[in-house]
Amino acid sequence: MDLYGNYTPDLYVGLAFPAYLLGHEVDADLFLMLAILWNTDIRGLLEWAQKKHCFYNRQETCLEKCNLCNDIRSFLATTT
């Protein structure tokens, strides 16, 4: 939990949601990327970003899925 009352899941550094939502389903209308990651892992986020936002991976390979997730989120932050 951060100083603002947000919870950051262990595996999803950089994504946070209000701690009062813990124990409830992730609302895709409010937290779309978190819901996609939670339900379909990085593959689902990659497919969604490619389909909806024309994401392309600038690197030929990512060493870890965390790198790919960061690349996707950085791309979305600068294009949406």
Foldseek 3Di string as FASTA:
>chain_A
DDPVQWDDDPVHPPDTDHPVCPPDQDDCVVRVVVNQCVPPNLVSLVVCCCVPPVDDDPDPDDPDSNVVVVSSVVVVVVRD
